Amino acid sequence: MAAAMKLISVLGLIVLISLGKVVDAAGECGKSAPDNEAMKLAPCAEAAQDENAPVSASCCAQVRKIGQSPKCLCAFMLSNTAKASGIKPEIAITIPKRCNIANRPVGYRCGAYTLP
């Protein structure tokens, strides 16, 4: 069942991006809008919806890469694509800690959320 929900979330991300329903917020993520970064974070879909779900190695690798810019990671977590795919920002913001990323910006404010 969890695999089916993950697949549905990933498919939802693909549909939203392919339909062009993305926020034009290039800047936080360089030349790419945060919604366009969504596909890179697809391995995190389940972990960003359920705080008890394991965080995969591929998710952590992408979070390490995108998380080099906390503004980009934050912009994605608060994006329309993330909301539409069921991402819960209050859970998604815990992923860097759950991945044991030592140099994460602890205390970084992301909207109403703070990086633990």
PDB file of N, CA and C in Angstrom:
ATOM      1  N   MET A   1       0.823  -1.192   0.000  1.00  0.00           N
ATOM      2  CA  MET A   1       0.000   0.000   0.000  1.00  0.00           C
ATOM      3  C   MET A   1       0.863   1.250   0.000  1.00  0.00           C
ATOM      4  N   ALA A   2       1.934   1.244   0.810  1.00  0.00           N
ATOM      5  CA  ALA A   2       2.825   2.410   0.875  1.00  0.00           C
ATOM      6  C   ALA A   2       3.487   2.648  -0.474  1.00  0.00           C
ATOM      7  N   ALA A   3       3.857   1.570  -1.154  1.00  0.00           N
ATOM      8  CA  ALA A   3       4.483   1.701  -2.470  1.00  0.00           C
ATOM      9  C   ALA A   3       3.506   2.320  -3.461  1.00  0.00           C
ATOM     10  N   ALA A   4       2.246   1.942  -3.357  1.00  0.00           N
ATOM     11  CA  ALA A   4       1.229   2.502  -4.251  1.00  0.00           C
ATOM     12  C   ALA A   4       1.050   3.998  -3.995  1.00  0.00           C
ATOM     13  N   MET A   5       1.060   4.401  -2.735  1.00  0.00           N
ATOM     14  CA  MET A   5       0.918   5.826  -2.403  1.00  0.00           C
ATOM     15  C   MET A   5       2.127   6.610  -2.905  1.00  0.00           C
ATOM     16  N   LYS A   6       3.318   6.029  -2.780  1.00  0.00           N
ATOM     17  CA  LYS A   6       4.527   6.684  -3.267  1.00  0.00           C
ATOM     18  C   LYS A   6       4.444   6.854  -4.777  1.00  0.00           C
ATOM     19  N   LEU A   7       4.009   5.816  -5.477  1.00  0.00           N
ATOM     20  CA  LEU A   7       3.875   5.868  -6.920  1.00  0.00           C
ATOM     21  C   LEU A   7       2.874   6.944  -7.326  1.00  0.00           C
ATOM     22  N   ILE A   8       1.767   7.019  -6.611  1.00  0.00           N
ATOM     23  CA  ILE A   8       0.754   8.035  -6.909  1.00  0.00           C
ATOM     24  C   ILE A   8       1.342   9.438  -6.712  1.00  0.00           C
ATOM     25  N   SER A   9       2.116   9.633  -5.648  1.00  0.00           N
ATOM     26  CA  SER A   9       2.733  10.934  -5.393  1.00  0.00           C
ATOM     27  C   SER A   9       3.702  11.305  -6.505  1.00  0.00           C
ATOM     28  N   VAL A  10       4.530  10.349  -6.902  1.00  0.00           N
ATOM     29  CA  VAL A  10       5.506  10.606  -7.965  1.00  0.00           C
ATOM     30  C   VAL A  10       4.790  10.900  -9.274  1.00  0.00           C
ATOM     31  N   LEU A  11       3.761  10.116  -9.595  1.00  0.00           N
ATOM     32  CA  LEU A  11       3.001  10.355 -10.817  1.00  0.00           C
ATOM     33  C   LEU A  11       2.333  11.725 -10.778  1.00  0.00           C
ATOM     34  N   GLY A  12       1.845  12.109  -9.612  1.00  0.00           N
ATOM     35  CA  GLY A  12       1.248  13.434  -9.470  1.00  0.00           C
ATOM     36  C   GLY A  12       2.255  14.533  -9.759  1.00  0.00           C
ATOM     37  N   LEU A  13       3.480  14.362  -9.273  1.00  0.00           N
ATOM     38  CA  LEU A  13       4.536  15.334  -9.556  1.00  0.00           C
ATOM     39  C   LEU A  13       4.803  15.423 -11.051  1.00  0.00           C
ATOM     40  N   ILE A  14       4.884  14.267 -11.705  1.00  0.00           N
ATOM     41  CA  ILE A  14       5.151  14.239 -13.136  1.00  0.00           C
ATOM     42  C   ILE A  14       4.043  14.945 -13.901  1.00  0.00           C
ATOM     43  N   VAL A  15       2.803  14.661 -13.557  1.00  0.00           N
ATOM     44  CA  VAL A  15       1.669  15.285 -14.241  1.00  0.00           C
ATOM     45  C   VAL A  15       1.693  16.797 -14.060  1.00  0.00           C
ATOM     46  N   LEU A  16       1.891  17.251 -12.831  1.00  0.00           N
ATOM     47  CA  LEU A  16       1.906  18.693 -12.585  1.00  0.00           C
ATOM     48  C   LEU A  16       3.010  19.390 -13.365  1.00  0.00           C
ATOM     49  N   ILE A  17       4.175  18.800 -13.393  1.00  0.00           N
ATOM     50  CA  ILE A  17       5.287  19.411 -14.109  1.00  0.00           C
ATOM     51  C   ILE A  17       5.027  19.388 -15.609  1.00  0.00           C
ATOM     52  N   SER A  18       4.535  18.275 -16.117  1.00  0.00           N
ATOM     53  CA  SER A  18       4.311  18.171 -17.556  1.00  0.00           C
ATOM     54  C   SER A  18       3.197  19.092 -18.027  1.00  0.00           C
ATOM     55  N   LEU A  19       2.254  19.398 -17.173  1.00  0.00           N
ATOM     56  CA  LEU A  19       1.180  20.323 -17.540  1.00  0.00           C
ATOM     57  C   LEU A  19       1.608  21.780 -17.441  1.00  0.00           C
ATOM     58  N   GLY A  20       2.778  21.993 -16.892  1.00  0.00           N
ATOM     59  CA  GLY A  20       3.275  23.358 -16.798  1.00  0.00           C
ATOM     60  C   GLY A  20       2.698  24.134 -15.637  1.00  0.00           C
ATOM     61  N   LYS A  21       2.090  23.454 -14.685  1.00  0.00           N
ATOM     62  CA  LYS A  21       1.519  24.133 -13.526  1.00  0.00           C
ATOM     63  C   LYS A  21       2.584  24.267 -12.458  1.00  0.00           C
ATOM     64  N   VAL A  22       3.594  25.061 -12.781  1.00  0.00           N
ATOM     65  CA  VAL A  22       4.707  25.246 -11.863  1.00  0.00           C
ATOM     66  C   VAL A  22       4.844  26.719 -11.511  1.00  0.00           C
ATOM     67  N   VAL A  23       5.425  26.955 -10.372  1.00  0.00           N
ATOM     68  CA  VAL A  23       5.675  28.318  -9.937  1.00  0.00           C
ATOM     69  C   VAL A  23       6.955  28.795 -10.593  1.00  0.00           C
ATOM     70  N   ASP A  24       6.960  29.985 -11.141  1.00  0.00           N
ATOM     71  CA  ASP A  24       8.165  30.530 -11.736  1.00  0.00           C
ATOM     72  C   ASP A  24       8.939  31.252 -10.650  1.00  0.00           C
ATOM     73  N   ALA A  25       9.781  30.517  -9.966  1.00  0.00           N
ATOM     74  CA  ALA A  25      10.533  31.095  -8.863  1.00  0.00           C
ATOM     75  C   ALA A  25      12.015  30.824  -9.017  1.00  0.00           C
ATOM     76  N   ALA A  26      12.478  30.802 -10.273  1.00  0.00           N
ATOM     77  CA  ALA A  26      13.912  30.606 -10.491  1.00  0.00           C
ATOM     78  C   ALA A  26      14.627  31.687  -9.706  1.00  0.00           C
ATOM     79  N   GLY A  27      15.698  31.344  -9.116  1.00  0.00           N
ATOM     80  CA  GLY A  27      16.432  32.255  -8.256  1.00  0.00           C
ATOM     81  C   GLY A  27      16.852  31.498  -7.019  1.00  0.00           C
ATOM     82  N   GLU A  28      15.895  30.955  -6.288  1.00  0.00           N
ATOM     83  CA  GLU A  28      16.219  30.151  -5.118  1.00  0.00           C
ATOM     84  C   GLU A  28      17.016  28.917  -5.520  1.00  0.00           C
ATOM     85  N   CYS A  29      16.738  28.402  -6.706  1.00  0.00           N
ATOM     86  CA  CYS A  29      17.391  27.178  -7.178  1.00  0.00           C
ATOM     87  C   CYS A  29      18.219  27.445  -8.433  1.00  0.00           C
ATOM     88  N   GLY A  30      18.810  28.600  -8.518  1.00  0.00           N
ATOM     89  CA  GLY A  30      19.600  28.933  -9.700  1.00  0.00           C
ATOM     90  C   GLY A  30      18.688  29.187 -10.879  1.00  0.00           C
ATOM     91  N   LYS A  31      18.961  28.521 -11.984  1.00  0.00           N
ATOM     92  CA  LYS A  31      18.169  28.725 -13.200  1.00  0.00           C
ATOM     93  C   LYS A  31      16.902  27.886 -13.214  1.00  0.00           C
ATOM     94  N   SER A  32      16.767  27.013 -12.251  1.00  0.00           N
ATOM     95  CA  SER A  32      15.624  26.099 -12.202  1.00  0.00           C
ATOM     96  C   SER A  32      14.635  26.541 -11.129  1.00  0.00           C
ATOM     97  N   ALA A  33      13.350  26.516 -11.469  1.00  0.00           N
ATOM     98  CA  ALA A  33      12.307  26.834 -10.491  1.00  0.00           C
ATOM     99  C   ALA A  33      12.195  25.692  -9.487  1.00  0.00           C
ATOM    100  N   PRO A  34      11.844  25.990  -8.247  1.00  0.00           N
ATOM    101  CA  PRO A  34      11.709  24.926  -7.239  1.00  0.00           C
ATOM    102  C   PRO A  34      10.804  23.791  -7.678  1.00  0.00           C
ATOM    103  N   ASP A  35       9.737  24.106  -8.386  1.00  0.00           N
ATOM    104  CA  ASP A  35       8.835  23.048  -8.839  1.00  0.00           C
ATOM    105  C   ASP A  35       9.541  22.103  -9.810  1.00  0.00           C
ATOM    106  N   ASN A  36      10.513  22.620 -10.562  1.00  0.00           N
ATOM    107  CA  ASN A  36      11.257  21.767 -11.482  1.00  0.00           C
ATOM    108  C   ASN A  36      12.214  20.836 -10.743  1.00  0.00           C
ATOM    109  N   GLU A  37      12.566  21.180  -9.518  1.00  0.00           N
ATOM    110  CA  GLU A  37      13.435  20.330  -8.708  1.00  0.00           C
ATOM    111  C   GLU A  37      12.656  19.152  -8.122  1.00  0.00           C
ATOM    112  N   ALA A  38      11.348  19.188  -8.240  1.00  0.00           N
ATOM    113  CA  ALA A  38      10.491  18.177  -7.633  1.00  0.00           C
ATOM    114  C   ALA A  38      10.848  16.763  -8.071  1.00  0.00           C
ATOM    115  N   MET A  39      11.155  16.576  -9.330  1.00  0.00           N
ATOM    116  CA  MET A  39      11.470  15.232  -9.820  1.00  0.00           C
ATOM    117  C   MET A  39      12.713  14.676  -9.142  1.00  0.00           C
ATOM    118  N   LYS A  40      13.655  15.529  -8.839  1.00  0.00           N
ATOM    119  CA  LYS A  40      14.877  15.078  -8.182  1.00  0.00           C
ATOM    120  C   LYS A  40      14.582  14.579  -6.767  1.00  0.00           C
ATOM    121  N   LEU A  41      13.529  15.109  -6.167  1.00  0.00           N
ATOM    122  CA  LEU A  41      13.187  14.732  -4.798  1.00  0.00           C
ATOM    123  C   LEU A  41      12.076  13.674  -4.729  1.00  0.00           C
ATOM    124  N   ALA A  42      11.740  13.083  -5.863  1.00  0.00           N
ATOM    125  CA  ALA A  42      10.715  12.035  -5.878  1.00  0.00           C
ATOM    126  C   ALA A  42      11.029  10.891  -4.917  1.00  0.00           C
ATOM    127  N   PRO A  43      12.312  10.490  -4.731  1.00  0.00           N
ATOM    128  CA  PRO A  43      12.582   9.408  -3.773  1.00  0.00           C
ATOM    129  C   PRO A  43      12.210   9.766  -2.328  1.00  0.00           C
ATOM    130  N   CYS A  44      11.936  11.044  -2.084  1.00  0.00           N
ATOM    131  CA  CYS A  44      11.604  11.494  -0.726  1.00  0.00           C
ATOM    132  C   CYS A  44      10.101  11.559  -0.476  1.00  0.00           C
ATOM    133  N   ALA A  45       9.299  11.220  -1.469  1.00  0.00           N
ATOM    134  CA  ALA A  45       7.849  11.419  -1.367  1.00  0.00           C
ATOM    135  C   ALA A  45       7.242  10.790  -0.118  1.00  0.00           C
ATOM    136  N   GLU A  46       7.536   9.544   0.123  1.00  0.00           N
ATOM    137  CA  GLU A  46       6.940   8.865   1.283  1.00  0.00           C
ATOM    138  C   GLU A  46       7.460   9.449   2.597  1.00  0.00           C
ATOM    139  N   ALA A  47       8.765   9.703   2.658  1.00  0.00           N
ATOM    140  CA  ALA A  47       9.373  10.235   3.884  1.00  0.00           C
ATOM    141  C   ALA A  47       8.892  11.647   4.191  1.00  0.00           C
ATOM    142  N   ALA A  48       8.450  12.377   3.161  1.00  0.00           N
ATOM    143  CA  ALA A  48       7.972  13.746   3.354  1.00  0.00           C
ATOM    144  C   ALA A  48       6.491  13.790   3.724  1.00  0.00           C
ATOM    145  N   GLN A  49       5.855  12.631   3.754  1.00  0.00           N
ATOM    146  CA  GLN A  49       4.446  12.551   4.129  1.00  0.00           C
ATOM    147  C   GLN A  49       4.239  11.826   5.450  1.00  0.00           C
ATOM    148  N   ASP A  50       5.235  11.022   5.839  1.00  0.00           N
ATOM    149  CA  ASP A  50       5.091  10.187   7.032  1.00  0.00           C
ATOM    150  C   ASP A  50       6.397  10.221   7.813  1.00  0.00           C
ATOM    151  N   GLU A  51       6.368  10.816   8.994  1.00  0.00           N
ATOM    152  CA  GLU A  51       7.590  10.954   9.797  1.00  0.00           C
ATOM    153  C   GLU A  51       8.162   9.618  10.246  1.00  0.00           C
ATOM    154  N   ASN A  52       7.382   8.551  10.174  1.00  0.00           N
ATOM    155  CA  ASN A  52       7.861   7.228  10.558  1.00  0.00           C
ATOM    156  C   ASN A  52       8.387   6.416   9.381  1.00  0.00           C
ATOM    157  N   ALA A  53       8.229   6.944   8.170  1.00  0.00           N
ATOM    158  CA  ALA A  53       8.713   6.234   6.978  1.00  0.00           C
ATOM    159  C   ALA A  53      10.233   6.341   6.911  1.00  0.00           C
ATOM    160  N   PRO A  54      10.879   5.279   6.480  1.00  0.00           N
ATOM    161  CA  PRO A  54      12.335   5.346   6.342  1.00  0.00           C
ATOM    162  C   PRO A  54      12.709   6.313   5.220  1.00  0.00           C
ATOM    163  N   VAL A  55      13.863   6.950   5.380  1.00  0.00           N
ATOM    164  CA  VAL A  55      14.363   7.872   4.357  1.00  0.00           C
ATOM    165  C   VAL A  55      15.393   7.088   3.542  1.00  0.00           C
ATOM    166  N   SER A  56      15.153   6.974   2.239  1.00  0.00           N
ATOM    167  CA  SER A  56      16.037   6.171   1.392  1.00  0.00           C
ATOM    168  C   SER A  56      17.369   6.873   1.153  1.00  0.00           C
ATOM    169  N   ALA A  57      18.361   6.085   0.790  1.00  0.00           N
ATOM    170  CA  ALA A  57      19.689   6.625   0.482  1.00  0.00           C
ATOM    171  C   ALA A  57      19.611   7.576  -0.715  1.00  0.00           C
ATOM    172  N   SER A  58      18.758   7.256  -1.696  1.00  0.00           N
ATOM    173  CA  SER A  58      18.639   8.135  -2.869  1.00  0.00           C
ATOM    174  C   SER A  58      17.989   9.465  -2.492  1.00  0.00           C
ATOM    175  N   CYS A  59      17.048   9.433  -1.553  1.00  0.00           N
ATOM    176  CA  CYS A  59      16.449  10.668  -1.053  1.00  0.00           C
ATOM    177  C   CYS A  59      17.521  11.519  -0.378  1.00  0.00           C
ATOM    178  N   CYS A  60      18.281  10.906   0.510  1.00  0.00           N
ATOM    179  CA  CYS A  60      19.317  11.645   1.238  1.00  0.00           C
ATOM    180  C   CYS A  60      20.353  12.239   0.287  1.00  0.00           C
ATOM    181  N   ALA A  61      20.699  11.493  -0.759  1.00  0.00           N
ATOM    182  CA  ALA A  61      21.673  12.004  -1.731  1.00  0.00           C
ATOM    183  C   ALA A  61      21.142  13.258  -2.417  1.00  0.00           C
ATOM    184  N   GLN A  62      19.869  13.247  -2.786  1.00  0.00           N
ATOM    185  CA  GLN A  62      19.281  14.419  -3.446  1.00  0.00           C
ATOM    186  C   GLN A  62      19.150  15.590  -2.475  1.00  0.00           C
ATOM    187  N   VAL A  63      18.772  15.301  -1.231  1.00  0.00           N
ATOM    188  CA  VAL A  63      18.640  16.364  -0.229  1.00  0.00           C
ATOM    189  C   VAL A  63      20.006  16.994   0.044  1.00  0.00           C
ATOM    190  N   ARG A  64      21.047  16.173   0.076  1.00  0.00           N
ATOM    191  CA  ARG A  64      22.402  16.714   0.265  1.00  0.00           C
ATOM    192  C   ARG A  64      22.757  17.662  -0.877  1.00  0.00           C
ATOM    193  N   LYS A  65      22.407  17.255  -2.096  1.00  0.00           N
ATOM    194  CA  LYS A  65      22.732  18.055  -3.283  1.00  0.00           C
ATOM    195  C   LYS A  65      21.919  19.355  -3.305  1.00  0.00           C
ATOM    196  N   ILE A  66      20.606  19.236  -3.223  1.00  0.00           N
ATOM    197  CA  ILE A  66      19.731  20.408  -3.292  1.00  0.00           C
ATOM    198  C   ILE A  66      19.855  21.240  -2.021  1.00  0.00           C
ATOM    199  N   GLY A  67      20.083  20.571  -0.899  1.00  0.00           N
ATOM    200  CA  GLY A  67      20.193  21.251   0.384  1.00  0.00           C
ATOM    201  C   GLY A  67      21.431  22.100   0.539  1.00  0.00           C
ATOM    202  N   GLN A  68      22.346  22.055  -0.435  1.00  0.00           N
ATOM    203  CA  GLN A  68      23.494  22.962  -0.404  1.00  0.00           C
ATOM    204  C   GLN A  68      22.997  24.404  -0.474  1.00  0.00           C
ATOM    205  N   SER A  69      21.790  24.553  -1.019  1.00  0.00           N
ATOM    206  CA  SER A  69      21.122  25.851  -1.020  1.00  0.00           C
ATOM    207  C   SER A  69      19.851  25.695  -0.178  1.00  0.00           C
ATOM    208  N   PRO A  70      19.915  26.047   1.113  1.00  0.00           N
ATOM    209  CA  PRO A  70      18.717  25.912   1.952  1.00  0.00           C
ATOM    210  C   PRO A  70      17.517  26.661   1.381  1.00  0.00           C
ATOM    211  N   LYS A  71      17.760  27.782   0.695  1.00  0.00           N
ATOM    212  CA  LYS A  71      16.649  28.540   0.104  1.00  0.00           C
ATOM    213  C   LYS A  71      15.933  27.711  -0.955  1.00  0.00           C
ATOM    214  N   CYS A  72      16.703  26.944  -1.737  1.00  0.00           N
ATOM    215  CA  CYS A  72      16.109  26.104  -2.777  1.00  0.00           C
ATOM    216  C   CYS A  72      15.293  24.978  -2.151  1.00  0.00           C
ATOM    217  N   LEU A  73      15.869  24.305  -1.172  1.00  0.00           N
ATOM    218  CA  LEU A  73      15.169  23.211  -0.510  1.00  0.00           C
ATOM    219  C   LEU A  73      13.882  23.723   0.143  1.00  0.00           C
ATOM    220  N   CYS A  74      13.962  24.867   0.775  1.00  0.00           N
ATOM    221  CA  CYS A  74      12.794  25.473   1.412  1.00  0.00           C
ATOM    222  C   CYS A  74      11.742  25.836   0.361  1.00  0.00           C
ATOM    223  N   ALA A  75      12.181  26.453  -0.734  1.00  0.00           N
ATOM    224  CA  ALA A  75      11.245  26.853  -1.785  1.00  0.00           C
ATOM    225  C   ALA A  75      10.515  25.635  -2.347  1.00  0.00           C
ATOM    226  N   PHE A  76      11.231  24.530  -2.491  1.00  0.00           N
ATOM    227  CA  PHE A  76      10.563  23.317  -2.972  1.00  0.00           C
ATOM    228  C   PHE A  76       9.527  22.833  -1.973  1.00  0.00           C
ATOM    229  N   MET A  77       9.901  22.781  -0.696  1.00  0.00           N
ATOM    230  CA  MET A  77       8.980  22.253   0.316  1.00  0.00           C
ATOM    231  C   MET A  77       7.702  23.071   0.415  1.00  0.00           C
ATOM    232  N   LEU A  78       7.777  24.353   0.063  1.00  0.00           N
ATOM    233  CA  LEU A  78       6.605  25.222   0.138  1.00  0.00           C
ATOM    234  C   LEU A  78       5.956  25.442  -1.230  1.00  0.00           C
ATOM    235  N   SER A  79       6.442  24.744  -2.261  1.00  0.00           N
ATOM    236  CA  SER A  79       5.954  24.956  -3.627  1.00  0.00           C
ATOM    237  C   SER A  79       4.569  24.357  -3.852  1.00  0.00           C
ATOM    238  N   ASN A  80       3.940  24.810  -4.923  1.00  0.00           N
ATOM    239  CA  ASN A  80       2.632  24.271  -5.302  1.00  0.00           C
ATOM    240  C   ASN A  80       2.730  22.785  -5.633  1.00  0.00           C
ATOM    241  N   THR A  81       3.821  22.376  -6.272  1.00  0.00           N
ATOM    242  CA  THR A  81       3.997  20.973  -6.626  1.00  0.00           C
ATOM    243  C   THR A  81       4.054  20.106  -5.371  1.00  0.00           C
ATOM    244  N   ALA A  82       4.804  20.558  -4.380  1.00  0.00           N
ATOM    245  CA  ALA A  82       4.907  19.801  -3.126  1.00  0.00           C
ATOM    246  C   ALA A  82       3.543  19.693  -2.454  1.00  0.00           C
ATOM    247  N   LYS A  83       2.833  20.807  -2.388  1.00  0.00           N
ATOM    248  CA  LYS A  83       1.502  20.792  -1.764  1.00  0.00           C
ATOM    249  C   LYS A  83       0.558  19.851  -2.506  1.00  0.00           C
ATOM    250  N   ALA A  84       0.574  19.933  -3.838  1.00  0.00           N
ATOM    251  CA  ALA A  84      -0.334  19.119  -4.645  1.00  0.00           C
ATOM    252  C   ALA A  84      -0.017  17.629  -4.547  1.00  0.00           C
ATOM    253  N   SER A  85       1.241  17.291  -4.254  1.00  0.00           N
ATOM    254  CA  SER A  85       1.607  15.880  -4.172  1.00  0.00           C
ATOM    255  C   SER A  85       1.483  15.324  -2.758  1.00  0.00           C
ATOM    256  N   GLY A  86       0.990  16.138  -1.837  1.00  0.00           N
ATOM    257  CA  GLY A  86       0.750  15.652  -0.485  1.00  0.00           C
ATOM    258  C   GLY A  86       1.927  15.789   0.460  1.00  0.00           C
ATOM    259  N   ILE A  87       2.961  16.505   0.038  1.00  0.00           N
ATOM    260  CA  ILE A  87       4.122  16.721   0.906  1.00  0.00           C
ATOM    261  C   ILE A  87       3.672  17.564   2.097  1.00  0.00           C
ATOM    262  N   LYS A  88       4.076  17.150   3.275  1.00  0.00           N
ATOM    263  CA  LYS A  88       3.758  17.895   4.491  1.00  0.00           C
ATOM    264  C   LYS A  88       5.026  18.632   4.920  1.00  0.00           C
ATOM    265  N   PRO A  89       5.049  19.963   4.773  1.00  0.00           N
ATOM    266  CA  PRO A  89       6.270  20.714   5.078  1.00  0.00           C
ATOM    267  C   PRO A  89       6.796  20.459   6.487  1.00  0.00           C
ATOM    268  N   GLU A  90       5.901  20.274   7.451  1.00  0.00           N
ATOM    269  CA  GLU A  90       6.337  20.047   8.832  1.00  0.00           C
ATOM    270  C   GLU A  90       7.070  18.715   8.982  1.00  0.00           C
ATOM    271  N   ILE A  91       6.829  17.793   8.061  1.00  0.00           N
ATOM    272  CA  ILE A  91       7.540  16.510   8.061  1.00  0.00           C
ATOM    273  C   ILE A  91       8.740  16.573   7.120  1.00  0.00           C
ATOM    274  N   ALA A  92       8.543  17.171   5.948  1.00  0.00           N
ATOM    275  CA  ALA A  92       9.625  17.268   4.964  1.00  0.00           C
ATOM    276  C   ALA A  92      10.843  17.987   5.532  1.00  0.00           C
ATOM    277  N   ILE A  93      10.610  18.979   6.370  1.00  0.00           N
ATOM    278  CA  ILE A  93      11.725  19.751   6.919  1.00  0.00           C
ATOM    279  C   ILE A  93      12.599  18.919   7.852  1.00  0.00           C
ATOM    280  N   THR A  94      12.101  17.762   8.293  1.00  0.00           N
ATOM    281  CA  THR A  94      12.895  16.894   9.167  1.00  0.00           C
ATOM    282  C   THR A  94      13.817  15.954   8.386  1.00  0.00           C
ATOM    283  N   ILE A  95      13.664  15.886   7.082  1.00  0.00           N
ATOM    284  CA  ILE A  95      14.446  14.932   6.297  1.00  0.00           C
ATOM    285  C   ILE A  95      15.956  15.166   6.400  1.00  0.00           C
ATOM    286  N   PRO A  96      16.474  16.397   6.313  1.00  0.00           N
ATOM    287  CA  PRO A  96      17.931  16.547   6.464  1.00  0.00           C
ATOM    288  C   PRO A  96      18.449  15.956   7.780  1.00  0.00           C
ATOM    289  N   LYS A  97      17.707  16.138   8.860  1.00  0.00           N
ATOM    290  CA  LYS A  97      18.122  15.557  10.148  1.00  0.00           C
ATOM    291  C   LYS A  97      18.021  14.036  10.100  1.00  0.00           C
ATOM    292  N   ARG A  98      16.931  13.522   9.517  1.00  0.00           N
ATOM    293  CA  ARG A  98      16.739  12.079   9.415  1.00  0.00           C
ATOM    294  C   ARG A  98      17.791  11.429   8.522  1.00  0.00           C
ATOM    295  N   CYS A  99      18.382  12.219   7.616  1.00  0.00           N
ATOM    296  CA  CYS A  99      19.475  11.731   6.758  1.00  0.00           C
ATOM    297  C   CYS A  99      20.831  11.883   7.447  1.00  0.00           C
ATOM    298  N   ASN A 100      20.832  12.414   8.661  1.00  0.00           N
ATOM    299  CA  ASN A 100      22.079  12.645   9.405  1.00  0.00           C
ATOM    300  C   ASN A 100      23.043  13.558   8.652  1.00  0.00           C
ATOM    301  N   ILE A 101      22.505  14.595   8.021  1.00  0.00           N
ATOM    302  CA  ILE A 101      23.343  15.566   7.312  1.00  0.00           C
ATOM    303  C   ILE A 101      23.936  16.495   8.363  1.00  0.00           C
ATOM    304  N   ALA A 102      25.219  16.353   8.572  1.00  0.00           N
ATOM    305  CA  ALA A 102      25.898  17.070   9.658  1.00  0.00           C
ATOM    306  C   ALA A 102      25.927  18.584   9.443  1.00  0.00           C
ATOM    307  N   ASN A 103      26.096  19.028   8.203  1.00  0.00           N
ATOM    308  CA  ASN A 103      26.237  20.462   7.961  1.00  0.00           C
ATOM    309  C   ASN A 103      24.921  21.129   7.535  1.00  0.00           C
ATOM    310  N   ARG A 104      23.799  20.539   7.969  1.00  0.00           N
ATOM    311  CA  ARG A 104      22.501  21.153   7.649  1.00  0.00           C
ATOM    312  C   ARG A 104      22.381  22.469   8.430  1.00  0.00           C
ATOM    313  N   PRO A 105      21.669  23.432   7.884  1.00  0.00           N
ATOM    314  CA  PRO A 105      21.544  24.728   8.561  1.00  0.00           C
ATOM    315  C   PRO A 105      20.507  24.687   9.692  1.00  0.00           C
ATOM    316  N   VAL A 106      20.869  24.115  10.809  1.00  0.00           N
ATOM    317  CA  VAL A 106      19.973  23.996  11.960  1.00  0.00           C
ATOM    318  C   VAL A 106      19.456  25.383  12.329  1.00  0.00           C
ATOM    319  N   GLY A 107      18.167  25.480  12.536  1.00  0.00           N
ATOM    320  CA  GLY A 107      17.560  26.753  12.900  1.00  0.00           C
ATOM    321  C   GLY A 107      17.134  27.595  11.704  1.00  0.00           C
ATOM    322  N   TYR A 108      17.407  27.125  10.487  1.00  0.00           N
ATOM    323  CA  TYR A 108      17.023  27.873   9.285  1.00  0.00           C
ATOM    324  C   TYR A 108      15.502  27.955   9.205  1.00  0.00           C
ATOM    325  N   ARG A 109      14.967  29.153   9.000  1.00  0.00           N
ATOM    326  CA  ARG A 109      13.518  29.355   8.906  1.00  0.00           C
ATOM    327  C   ARG A 109      13.062  29.120   7.482  1.00  0.00           C
ATOM    328  N   CYS A 110      12.048  28.290   7.361  1.00  0.00           N
ATOM    329  CA  CYS A 110      11.449  27.976   6.056  1.00  0.00           C
ATOM    330  C   CYS A 110       9.955  28.232   6.210  1.00  0.00           C
ATOM    331  N   GLY A 111       9.528  29.423   5.875  1.00  0.00           N
ATOM    332  CA  GLY A 111       8.132  29.790   6.104  1.00  0.00           C
ATOM    333  C   GLY A 111       7.847  29.721   7.585  1.00  0.00           C
ATOM    334  N   ALA A 112       6.837  28.972   7.963  1.00  0.00           N
ATOM    335  CA  ALA A 112       6.467  28.836   9.372  1.00  0.00           C
ATOM    336  C   ALA A 112       7.249  27.725  10.077  1.00  0.00           C
ATOM    337  N   TYR A 113       8.184  27.104   9.362  1.00  0.00           N
ATOM    338  CA  TYR A 113       8.893  25.933   9.875  1.00  0.00           C
ATOM    339  C   TYR A 113      10.363  26.259  10.116  1.00  0.00           C
ATOM    340  N   THR A 114      10.973  25.545  11.047  1.00  0.00           N
ATOM    341  CA  THR A 114      12.390  25.724  11.373  1.00  0.00           C
ATOM    342  C   THR A 114      13.094  24.392  11.237  1.00  0.00           C
ATOM    343  N   LEU A 115      14.230  24.396  10.553  1.00  0.00           N
ATOM    344  CA  LEU A 115      15.012  23.181  10.357  1.00  0.00           C
ATOM    345  C   LEU A 115      15.546  22.678  11.693  1.00  0.00           C
ATOM    346  N   PRO A 116      15.237  21.416  12.032  1.00  0.00           N
ATOM    347  CA  PRO A 116      15.740  20.870  13.296  1.00  0.00           C
ATOM    348  C   PRO A 116      17.213  20.476  13.191  1.00  0.00           C
TER     349      PRO A 116
END
